[in-house]
Amino acid sequence: MNLDQEEVLRENIRQLIKIVKQKRTIKKQTLLAEEARLRGIIRTLINKELQFLKEATPDNEPTPNKSTGINVLEDLLKKIIPVLQIDYKLLTTDPDQRESFRAHIINAVIGTLTPAETNNEASTTGGTLEEEVDVEIGDSDGGKFIDIRTDAEKSEEEEEVEEDPRDEFGVDGADETGRNVAYNAFKKIENSIIDAYELLSNTEDQELFYDYLIANLKLYFDKFENELAPEVEEPTNQAYDTAKSEQGPEETGAGDLGGEEEIDLEI
């Protein structure tokens, strides 16, 4: 091999090496570009999925009210309103039963929270709820009485005179069925109401809690009543009204039937 041939061979080798390097570079660039493209696609899909989840997920934590008393009341209503709704809607025989239920629940809530309200007023005015009781102990024949009844007789007499707690709970003149159902319903929610109110020590919070509790109970009872007896008027149109007014007694079946007809249903 002469020098010229050797030089040509070396040049060819250099060209081959250059081509191989170029191909490697191009392949590497292609792989990097493809990787970048795939990363971009994945990033876009992730962003779209996050946006979809954000839009589909409801806001279960609304902004709290500025009043702590209202916030506490809102939490309480979520607990007690479903209980009252179920028991209220059991009373379907007579509207008086529901009126009685409503009156007894509101009266019981007022009766439960009024002592607490009184305590708060007394504490703010520097007063005291302690009452001084003067007991005069003197000689009387009552102290000489010897009860000869057996324990069984005493227990029996006490049971006879024991007052039904629902009577004390009741409002005079109200339906007793509504009273009884209201009594059971209030027993379910009484502790929740007391516990919620006792969380509050700020006078303004307590007053808002008390006032809005009574107002909301009344509003929810109105809502329950509307749900039980919706006033829905059947839709009509001019053509029907005209045809109806033009029908005679024979067409409407309002002929002379000679009174009411009894329909015998064979089962």
C-alpha atoms as a PDB file:
ATOM      1  CA  MET A   1       0.000   0.000   0.000  1.00  0.00           C
ATOM      2  CA  ASN A   2       1.511   3.284  -1.073  1.00  0.00           C
ATOM      3  CA  LEU A   3       1.228   6.564   0.700  1.00  0.00           C
ATOM      4  CA  ASP A   4      -1.654   7.836  -1.395  1.00  0.00           C
ATOM      5  CA  GLN A   5      -3.741   4.789  -0.697  1.00  0.00           C
ATOM      6  CA  GLU A   6      -2.932   4.980   2.988  1.00  0.00           C
ATOM      7  CA  GLU A   7      -3.985   8.627   3.081  1.00  0.00           C
ATOM      8  CA  VAL A   8      -7.255   7.820   1.303  1.00  0.00           C
ATOM      9  CA  LEU A   9      -7.957   5.017   3.772  1.00  0.00           C
ATOM     10  CA  ARG A  10      -7.306   7.286   6.725  1.00  0.00           C
ATOM     11  CA  GLU A  11      -9.602   9.923   5.276  1.00  0.00           C
ATOM     12  CA  ASN A  12     -12.349   7.386   4.782  1.00  0.00           C
ATOM     13  CA  ILE A  13     -11.979   6.199   8.355  1.00  0.00           C
ATOM     14  CA  ARG A  14     -12.171   9.778   9.603  1.00  0.00           C
ATOM     15  CA  GLN A  15     -15.338  10.312   7.559  1.00  0.00           C
ATOM     16  CA  LEU A  16     -16.875   7.131   8.943  1.00  0.00           C
ATOM     17  CA  ILE A  17     -16.039   8.155  12.484  1.00  0.00           C
ATOM     18  CA  LYS A  18     -17.540  11.583  11.814  1.00  0.00           C
ATOM     19  CA  ILE A  19     -20.705  10.034  10.387  1.00  0.00           C
ATOM     20  CA  VAL A  20     -21.042   7.692  13.366  1.00  0.00           C
ATOM     21  CA  LYS A  21     -20.606  10.597  15.787  1.00  0.00           C
ATOM     22  CA  GLN A  22     -23.178  12.643  13.885  1.00  0.00           C
ATOM     23  CA  LYS A  23     -25.641   9.761  13.990  1.00  0.00           C
ATOM     24  CA  ARG A  24     -25.064   9.319  17.692  1.00  0.00           C
ATOM     25  CA  THR A  25     -25.567  13.036  18.246  1.00  0.00           C
ATOM     26  CA  ILE A  26     -28.716  13.073  16.151  1.00  0.00           C
ATOM     27  CA  LYS A  27     -30.058  10.002  17.967  1.00  0.00           C
ATOM     28  CA  LYS A  28     -29.289  11.532  21.339  1.00  0.00           C
ATOM     29  CA  GLN A  29     -30.963  14.806  20.368  1.00  0.00           C
ATOM     30  CA  THR A  30     -33.946  12.897  19.052  1.00  0.00           C
ATOM     31  CA  LEU A  31     -34.235  10.919  22.269  1.00  0.00           C
ATOM     32  CA  LEU A  32     -33.972  14.085  24.345  1.00  0.00           C
ATOM     33  CA  ALA A  33     -36.573  15.822  22.205  1.00  0.00           C
ATOM     34  CA  GLU A  34     -38.882  12.827  22.458  1.00  0.00           C
ATOM     35  CA  GLU A  35     -38.387  12.671  26.234  1.00  0.00           C
ATOM     36  CA  ALA A  36     -39.128  16.395  26.540  1.00  0.00           C
ATOM     37  CA  ARG A  37     -42.256  15.960  24.406  1.00  0.00           C
ATOM     38  CA  LEU A  38     -43.462  13.070  26.582  1.00  0.00           C
ATOM     39  CA  ARG A  39     -42.770  15.061  29.745  1.00  0.00           C
ATOM     40  CA  GLY A  40     -44.829  17.939  28.336  1.00  0.00           C
ATOM     41  CA  ILE A  41     -47.734  15.630  27.514  1.00  0.00           C
ATOM     42  CA  ILE A  42     -47.670  14.065  30.987  1.00  0.00           C
ATOM     43  CA  ARG A  43     -47.483  17.475  32.647  1.00  0.00           C
ATOM     44  CA  THR A  44     -50.466  18.694  30.601  1.00  0.00           C
ATOM     45  CA  LEU A  45     -52.521  15.621  31.545  1.00  0.00           C
ATOM     46  CA  ILE A  46     -51.690  16.041  35.227  1.00  0.00           C
ATOM     47  CA  ASN A  47     -52.675  19.707  35.169  1.00  0.00           C
ATOM     48  CA  LYS A  48     -55.968  18.909  33.435  1.00  0.00           C
ATOM     49  CA  GLU A  49     -56.742  16.157  35.949  1.00  0.00           C
ATOM     50  CA  LEU A  50     -55.988  18.455  38.892  1.00  0.00           C
ATOM     51  CA  GLN A  51     -58.213  21.158  37.395  1.00  0.00           C
ATOM     52  CA  PHE A  52     -61.021  18.652  36.882  1.00  0.00           C
ATOM     53  CA  LEU A  53     -60.771  17.412  40.471  1.00  0.00           C
ATOM     54  CA  LYS A  54     -60.769  20.967  41.774  1.00  0.00           C
ATOM     55  CA  GLU A  55     -63.913  21.841  39.815  1.00  0.00           C
ATOM     56  CA  ALA A  56     -65.701  18.574  40.642  1.00  0.00           C
ATOM     57  CA  THR A  57     -65.032  18.653  44.384  1.00  0.00           C
ATOM     58  CA  PRO A  58     -67.675  20.747  46.240  1.00  0.00           C
ATOM     59  CA  ASP A  59     -66.658  23.211  48.896  1.00  0.00           C
ATOM     60  CA  ASN A  60     -67.658  21.414  52.079  1.00  0.00           C
ATOM     61  CA  GLU A  61     -66.119  24.025  54.294  1.00  0.00           C
ATOM     62  CA  PRO A  62     -67.963  27.294  53.723  1.00  0.00           C
ATOM     63  CA  THR A  63     -66.612  30.475  55.195  1.00  0.00           C
ATOM     64  CA  PRO A  64     -67.609  30.656  58.865  1.00  0.00           C
ATOM     65  CA  ASN A  65     -69.950  33.365  60.047  1.00  0.00           C
ATOM     66  CA  LYS A  66     -68.454  36.348  61.833  1.00  0.00           C
ATOM     67  CA  SER A  67     -70.398  35.378  64.968  1.00  0.00           C
ATOM     68  CA  THR A  68     -69.248  32.422  67.039  1.00  0.00           C
ATOM     69  CA  GLY A  69     -72.793  32.050  68.335  1.00  0.00           C
ATOM     70  CA  ILE A  70     -74.148  31.581  64.808  1.00  0.00           C
ATOM     71  CA  ASN A  71     -71.356  29.123  63.936  1.00  0.00           C
ATOM     72  CA  VAL A  72     -72.189  27.015  66.991  1.00  0.00           C
ATOM     73  CA  LEU A  73     -75.905  27.225  66.177  1.00  0.00           C
ATOM     74  CA  GLU A  74     -75.326  26.114  62.582  1.00  0.00           C
ATOM     75  CA  ASP A  75     -73.471  23.043  63.826  1.00  0.00           C
ATOM     76  CA  LEU A  76     -76.297  22.322  66.287  1.00  0.00           C
ATOM     77  CA  LEU A  77     -79.017  22.629  63.632  1.00  0.00           C
ATOM     78  CA  LYS A  78     -77.249  20.028  61.493  1.00  0.00           C
ATOM     79  CA  LYS A  79     -77.690  17.595  64.394  1.00  0.00           C
ATOM     80  CA  ILE A  80     -81.220  18.335  65.597  1.00  0.00           C
ATOM     81  CA  ILE A  81     -83.196  19.338  62.491  1.00  0.00           C
ATOM     82  CA  PRO A  82     -83.094  15.844  60.892  1.00  0.00           C
ATOM     83  CA  VAL A  83     -84.387  14.375  64.180  1.00  0.00           C
ATOM     84  CA  LEU A  84     -87.248  16.865  64.393  1.00  0.00           C
ATOM     85  CA  GLN A  85     -88.110  16.407  60.716  1.00  0.00           C
ATOM     86  CA  ILE A  86     -88.529  12.643  61.050  1.00  0.00           C
ATOM     87  CA  ASP A  87     -90.745  12.863  64.157  1.00  0.00           C
ATOM     88  CA  TYR A  88     -92.755  15.835  62.852  1.00  0.00           C
ATOM     89  CA  LYS A  89     -93.624  14.012  59.634  1.00  0.00           C
ATOM     90  CA  LEU A  90     -94.919  11.013  61.580  1.00  0.00           C
ATOM     91  CA  LEU A  91     -97.941  13.094  62.560  1.00  0.00           C
ATOM     92  CA  THR A  92    -100.203  12.872  59.531  1.00  0.00           C
ATOM     93  CA  THR A  93    -103.646  12.129  60.998  1.00  0.00           C
ATOM     94  CA  ASP A  94    -104.505  15.689  61.986  1.00  0.00           C
ATOM     95  CA  PRO A  95    -102.760  19.067  61.550  1.00  0.00           C
ATOM     96  CA  ASP A  96    -103.482  19.715  65.248  1.00  0.00           C
ATOM     97  CA  GLN A  97    -100.966  16.991  66.084  1.00  0.00           C
ATOM     98  CA  ARG A  98     -98.234  18.831  64.199  1.00  0.00           C
ATOM     99  CA  GLU A  99     -99.244  22.168  65.695  1.00  0.00           C
ATOM    100  CA  SER A 100     -98.983  20.577  69.123  1.00  0.00           C
ATOM    101  CA  PHE A 101     -95.587  19.057  68.307  1.00  0.00           C
ATOM    102  CA  ARG A 102     -94.298  22.424  67.124  1.00  0.00           C
ATOM    103  CA  ALA A 103     -95.595  24.319  70.149  1.00  0.00           C
ATOM    104  CA  HIS A 104     -94.179  21.792  72.625  1.00  0.00           C
ATOM    105  CA  ILE A 105     -90.718  21.715  71.054  1.00  0.00           C
ATOM    106  CA  ILE A 106     -90.394  25.504  70.960  1.00  0.00           C
ATOM    107  CA  ASN A 107     -91.804  25.822  74.475  1.00  0.00           C
ATOM    108  CA  ALA A 108     -89.342  23.184  75.728  1.00  0.00           C
ATOM    109  CA  VAL A 109     -86.368  24.914  74.109  1.00  0.00           C
ATOM    110  CA  ILE A 110     -87.375  28.235  75.641  1.00  0.00           C
ATOM    111  CA  GLY A 111     -87.886  26.578  79.018  1.00  0.00           C
ATOM    112  CA  THR A 112     -84.489  24.896  78.814  1.00  0.00           C
ATOM    113  CA  LEU A 113     -82.491  27.966  77.837  1.00  0.00           C
ATOM    114  CA  THR A 114     -84.374  30.597  79.851  1.00  0.00           C
ATOM    115  CA  PRO A 115     -82.687  29.659  83.170  1.00  0.00           C
ATOM    116  CA  ALA A 116     -79.315  30.010  81.449  1.00  0.00           C
ATOM    117  CA  GLU A 117     -80.361  33.395  80.085  1.00  0.00           C
ATOM    118  CA  THR A 118     -81.431  34.447  83.568  1.00  0.00           C
ATOM    119  CA  ASN A 119     -78.109  33.321  85.014  1.00  0.00           C
ATOM    120  CA  ASN A 120     -76.246  35.386  82.454  1.00  0.00           C
ATOM    121  CA  GLU A 121     -78.321  38.486  83.170  1.00  0.00           C
ATOM    122  CA  ALA A 122     -77.762  38.089  86.878  1.00  0.00           C
ATOM    123  CA  SER A 123     -74.017  37.654  86.472  1.00  0.00           C
ATOM    124  CA  THR A 124     -73.733  40.783  84.310  1.00  0.00           C
ATOM    125  CA  THR A 125     -75.708  42.892  86.792  1.00  0.00           C
ATOM    126  CA  GLY A 126     -73.860  41.586  89.819  1.00  0.00           C
ATOM    127  CA  GLY A 127     -76.968  39.923  91.216  1.00  0.00           C
ATOM    128  CA  THR A 128     -77.340  36.496  92.728  1.00  0.00           C
ATOM    129  CA  LEU A 129     -79.714  33.650  92.100  1.00  0.00           C
ATOM    130  CA  GLU A 130     -79.352  32.271  95.592  1.00  0.00           C
ATOM    131  CA  GLU A 131     -82.517  32.655  97.564  1.00  0.00           C
ATOM    132  CA  GLU A 132     -82.545  32.880 101.306  1.00  0.00           C
ATOM    133  CA  VAL A 133     -85.042  30.463 102.743  1.00  0.00           C
ATOM    134  CA  ASP A 134     -86.159  30.886 106.330  1.00  0.00           C
ATOM    135  CA  VAL A 135     -87.309  27.621 107.825  1.00  0.00           C
ATOM    136  CA  GLU A 136     -89.140  27.852 111.070  1.00  0.00           C
ATOM    137  CA  ILE A 137     -88.822  24.757 113.169  1.00  0.00           C
ATOM    138  CA  GLY A 138     -91.281  24.579 116.007  1.00  0.00           C
ATOM    139  CA  ASP A 139     -93.018  22.049 118.130  1.00  0.00           C
ATOM    140  CA  SER A 140     -95.730  20.384 116.101  1.00  0.00           C
ATOM    141  CA  ASP A 141     -97.677  17.210 116.293  1.00  0.00           C
ATOM    142  CA  GLY A 142     -96.402  16.265 112.885  1.00  0.00           C
ATOM    143  CA  GLY A 143     -93.125  15.146 114.379  1.00  0.00           C
ATOM    144  CA  LYS A 144     -94.892  12.681 116.634  1.00  0.00           C
ATOM    145  CA  PHE A 145     -96.597  10.791 113.790  1.00  0.00           C
ATOM    146  CA  ILE A 146     -95.504   7.165 113.454  1.00  0.00           C
ATOM    147  CA  ASP A 147     -95.912   5.715 109.965  1.00  0.00           C
ATOM    148  CA  ILE A 148     -96.948   2.066 110.277  1.00  0.00           C
ATOM    149  CA  ARG A 149     -97.100   1.341 106.528  1.00  0.00           C
ATOM    150  CA  THR A 150     -94.860  -1.376 105.128  1.00  0.00           C
ATOM    151  CA  ASP A 151     -92.218  -0.538 102.529  1.00  0.00           C
ATOM    152  CA  ALA A 152     -94.332  -2.226  99.850  1.00  0.00           C
ATOM    153  CA  GLU A 153     -97.362  -0.098 100.757  1.00  0.00           C
ATOM    154  CA  LYS A 154     -95.281   3.078 100.723  1.00  0.00           C
ATOM    155  CA  SER A 155     -93.814   2.186  97.325  1.00  0.00           C
ATOM    156  CA  GLU A 156     -97.263   1.377  95.928  1.00  0.00           C
ATOM    157  CA  GLU A 157     -98.729   4.681  97.088  1.00  0.00           C
ATOM    158  CA  GLU A 158     -95.784   6.605  95.656  1.00  0.00           C
ATOM    159  CA  GLU A 159     -96.267   4.898  92.302  1.00  0.00           C
ATOM    160  CA  GLU A 160     -99.971   5.790  92.342  1.00  0.00           C
ATOM    161  CA  VAL A 161     -99.314   9.478  92.855  1.00  0.00           C
ATOM    162  CA  GLU A 162     -96.286   9.622  90.536  1.00  0.00           C
ATOM    163  CA  GLU A 163     -96.952  12.226  87.856  1.00  0.00           C
ATOM    164  CA  ASP A 164     -96.479  11.464  84.173  1.00  0.00           C
ATOM    165  CA  PRO A 165     -93.486  13.592  83.055  1.00  0.00           C
ATOM    166  CA  ARG A 166     -95.290  14.252  79.770  1.00  0.00           C
ATOM    167  CA  ASP A 167     -97.997  16.118  81.704  1.00  0.00           C
ATOM    168  CA  GLU A 168     -95.415  18.518  83.086  1.00  0.00           C
ATOM    169  CA  PHE A 169     -93.905  18.831  79.606  1.00  0.00           C
ATOM    170  CA  GLY A 170     -97.302  19.510  78.053  1.00  0.00           C
ATOM    171  CA  VAL A 171     -98.947  22.757  76.973  1.00  0.00           C
ATOM    172  CA  ASP A 172    -102.549  23.223  78.101  1.00  0.00           C
ATOM    173  CA  GLY A 173    -105.131  22.546  75.395  1.00  0.00           C
ATOM    174  CA  ALA A 174    -102.681  21.033  72.905  1.00  0.00           C
ATOM    175  CA  ASP A 175    -103.112  17.693  71.183  1.00  0.00           C
ATOM    176  CA  GLU A 176    -101.729  14.885  73.356  1.00  0.00           C
ATOM    177  CA  THR A 177    -100.368  12.783  70.496  1.00  0.00           C
ATOM    178  CA  GLY A 178     -98.323  15.734  69.295  1.00  0.00           C
ATOM    179  CA  ARG A 179     -97.218  16.320  72.876  1.00  0.00           C
ATOM    180  CA  ASN A 180     -96.073  12.718  73.345  1.00  0.00           C
ATOM    181  CA  VAL A 181     -94.103  12.617  70.097  1.00  0.00           C
ATOM    182  CA  ALA A 182     -92.584  16.026  70.895  1.00  0.00           C
ATOM    183  CA  TYR A 183     -91.587  14.778  74.353  1.00  0.00           C
ATOM    184  CA  ASN A 184     -89.666  11.852  72.861  1.00  0.00           C
ATOM    185  CA  ALA A 185     -88.118  14.046  70.166  1.00  0.00           C
ATOM    186  CA  PHE A 186     -86.944  16.667  72.664  1.00  0.00           C
ATOM    187  CA  LYS A 187     -85.301  14.005  74.822  1.00  0.00           C
ATOM    188  CA  LYS A 188     -83.152  13.147  71.793  1.00  0.00           C
ATOM    189  CA  ILE A 189     -81.969  16.721  71.214  1.00  0.00           C
ATOM    190  CA  GLU A 190     -82.050  18.304  74.680  1.00  0.00           C
ATOM    191  CA  ASN A 191     -78.455  17.520  75.631  1.00  0.00           C
ATOM    192  CA  SER A 192     -77.153  18.724  72.265  1.00  0.00           C
ATOM    193  CA  ILE A 193     -78.885  22.081  72.747  1.00  0.00           C
ATOM    194  CA  ILE A 194     -77.563  22.518  76.278  1.00  0.00           C
ATOM    195  CA  ASP A 195     -74.025  21.451  75.334  1.00  0.00           C
ATOM    196  CA  ALA A 196     -73.949  23.867  72.390  1.00  0.00           C
ATOM    197  CA  TYR A 197     -75.220  26.801  74.456  1.00  0.00           C
ATOM    198  CA  GLU A 198     -72.763  26.131  77.275  1.00  0.00           C
ATOM    199  CA  LEU A 199     -69.870  26.525  74.836  1.00  0.00           C
ATOM    200  CA  LEU A 200     -70.675  30.230  74.671  1.00  0.00           C
ATOM    201  CA  SER A 201     -69.723  32.699  77.371  1.00  0.00           C
ATOM    202  CA  ASN A 202     -69.921  35.903  75.345  1.00  0.00           C
ATOM    203  CA  THR A 203     -73.253  37.617  75.998  1.00  0.00           C
ATOM    204  CA  GLU A 204     -73.732  38.691  72.378  1.00  0.00           C
ATOM    205  CA  ASP A 205     -73.046  35.144  71.131  1.00  0.00           C
ATOM    206  CA  GLN A 206     -75.534  33.745  73.639  1.00  0.00           C
ATOM    207  CA  GLU A 207     -78.278  36.170  72.611  1.00  0.00           C
ATOM    208  CA  LEU A 208     -77.745  35.507  68.898  1.00  0.00           C
ATOM    209  CA  PHE A 209     -77.728  31.758  69.511  1.00  0.00           C
ATOM    210  CA  TYR A 210     -80.979  31.920  71.509  1.00  0.00           C
ATOM    211  CA  ASP A 211     -82.867  34.240  69.152  1.00  0.00           C
ATOM    212  CA  TYR A 212     -81.783  32.528  65.944  1.00  0.00           C
ATOM    213  CA  LEU A 213     -82.429  29.057  67.352  1.00  0.00           C
ATOM    214  CA  ILE A 214     -86.087  29.876  68.065  1.00  0.00           C
ATOM    215  CA  ALA A 215     -86.501  31.637  64.709  1.00  0.00           C
ATOM    216  CA  ASN A 216     -84.927  28.770  62.761  1.00  0.00           C
ATOM    217  CA  LEU A 217     -87.014  26.139  64.520  1.00  0.00           C
ATOM    218  CA  LYS A 218     -90.158  27.983  63.462  1.00  0.00           C
ATOM    219  CA  LEU A 219     -88.901  28.390  59.901  1.00  0.00           C
ATOM    220  CA  TYR A 220     -87.996  24.716  59.608  1.00  0.00           C
ATOM    221  CA  PHE A 221     -91.406  23.682  60.957  1.00  0.00           C
ATOM    222  CA  ASP A 222     -92.983  25.878  58.258  1.00  0.00           C
ATOM    223  CA  LYS A 223     -90.801  24.127  55.688  1.00  0.00           C
ATOM    224  CA  PHE A 224     -91.805  20.660  56.943  1.00  0.00           C
ATOM    225  CA  GLU A 225     -95.474  21.601  56.797  1.00  0.00           C
ATOM    226  CA  ASN A 226     -95.153  22.807  53.213  1.00  0.00           C
ATOM    227  CA  GLU A 227     -93.461  19.553  52.277  1.00  0.00           C
ATOM    228  CA  LEU A 228     -96.297  17.545  53.836  1.00  0.00           C
ATOM    229  CA  ALA A 229     -99.131  19.509  52.241  1.00  0.00           C
ATOM    230  CA  PRO A 230     -97.914  21.154  49.030  1.00  0.00           C
ATOM    231  CA  GLU A 231    -100.497  23.297  47.285  1.00  0.00           C
ATOM    232  CA  VAL A 232     -99.994  22.198  43.668  1.00  0.00           C
ATOM    233  CA  GLU A 233    -102.537  23.355  41.085  1.00  0.00           C
ATOM    234  CA  GLU A 234    -103.089  21.075  38.097  1.00  0.00           C
ATOM    235  CA  PRO A 235    -101.940  22.763  34.851  1.00  0.00           C
ATOM    236  CA  THR A 236    -104.635  23.479  32.266  1.00  0.00           C
ATOM    237  CA  ASN A 237    -105.084  25.343  28.982  1.00  0.00           C
ATOM    238  CA  GLN A 238    -107.726  27.347  27.122  1.00  0.00           C
ATOM    239  CA  ALA A 239    -108.808  24.452  24.888  1.00  0.00           C
ATOM    240  CA  TYR A 240    -109.545  22.221  27.869  1.00  0.00           C
ATOM    241  CA  ASP A 241    -111.397  24.969  29.755  1.00  0.00           C
ATOM    242  CA  THR A 242    -113.549  25.735  26.694  1.00  0.00           C
ATOM    243  CA  ALA A 243    -114.370  22.072  26.038  1.00  0.00           C
ATOM    244  CA  LYS A 244    -115.185  21.519  29.699  1.00  0.00           C
ATOM    245  CA  SER A 245    -117.577  24.470  29.834  1.00  0.00           C
ATOM    246  CA  GLU A 246    -119.405  23.312  26.654  1.00  0.00           C
ATOM    247  CA  GLN A 247    -120.076  19.774  27.974  1.00  0.00           C
ATOM    248  CA  GLY A 248    -123.670  19.036  28.984  1.00  0.00           C
ATOM    249  CA  PRO A 249    -124.885  16.956  31.927  1.00  0.00           C
ATOM    250  CA  GLU A 250    -125.045  13.792  29.774  1.00  0.00           C
ATOM    251  CA  GLU A 251    -121.440  14.184  28.625  1.00  0.00           C
ATOM    252  CA  THR A 252    -120.072  14.870  32.104  1.00  0.00           C
ATOM    253  CA  GLY A 253    -122.062  12.089  33.757  1.00  0.00           C
ATOM    254  CA  ALA A 254    -123.924  14.576  35.926  1.00  0.00           C
ATOM    255  CA  GLY A 255    -127.394  13.467  34.892  1.00  0.00           C
ATOM    256  CA  ASP A 256    -130.287  12.681  37.183  1.00  0.00           C
ATOM    257  CA  LEU A 257    -128.906   9.667  39.099  1.00  0.00           C
ATOM    258  CA  GLY A 258    -131.341   9.936  41.953  1.00  0.00           C
ATOM    259  CA  GLY A 259    -128.725  10.314  44.687  1.00  0.00           C
ATOM    260  CA  GLU A 260    -125.451   8.605  45.560  1.00  0.00           C
ATOM    261  CA  GLU A 261    -124.762   5.161  44.125  1.00  0.00           C
ATOM    262  CA  GLU A 262    -122.908   2.564  46.150  1.00  0.00           C
ATOM    263  CA  ILE A 263    -120.185   0.759  44.241  1.00  0.00           C
ATOM    264  CA  ASP A 264    -119.722  -2.888  45.136  1.00  0.00           C
ATOM    265  CA  LEU A 265    -116.094  -3.925  44.736  1.00  0.00           C
ATOM    266  CA  GLU A 266    -115.566  -7.655  44.361  1.00  0.00           C
ATOM    267  CA  ILE A 267    -112.144  -8.713  45.554  1.00  0.00           C
END
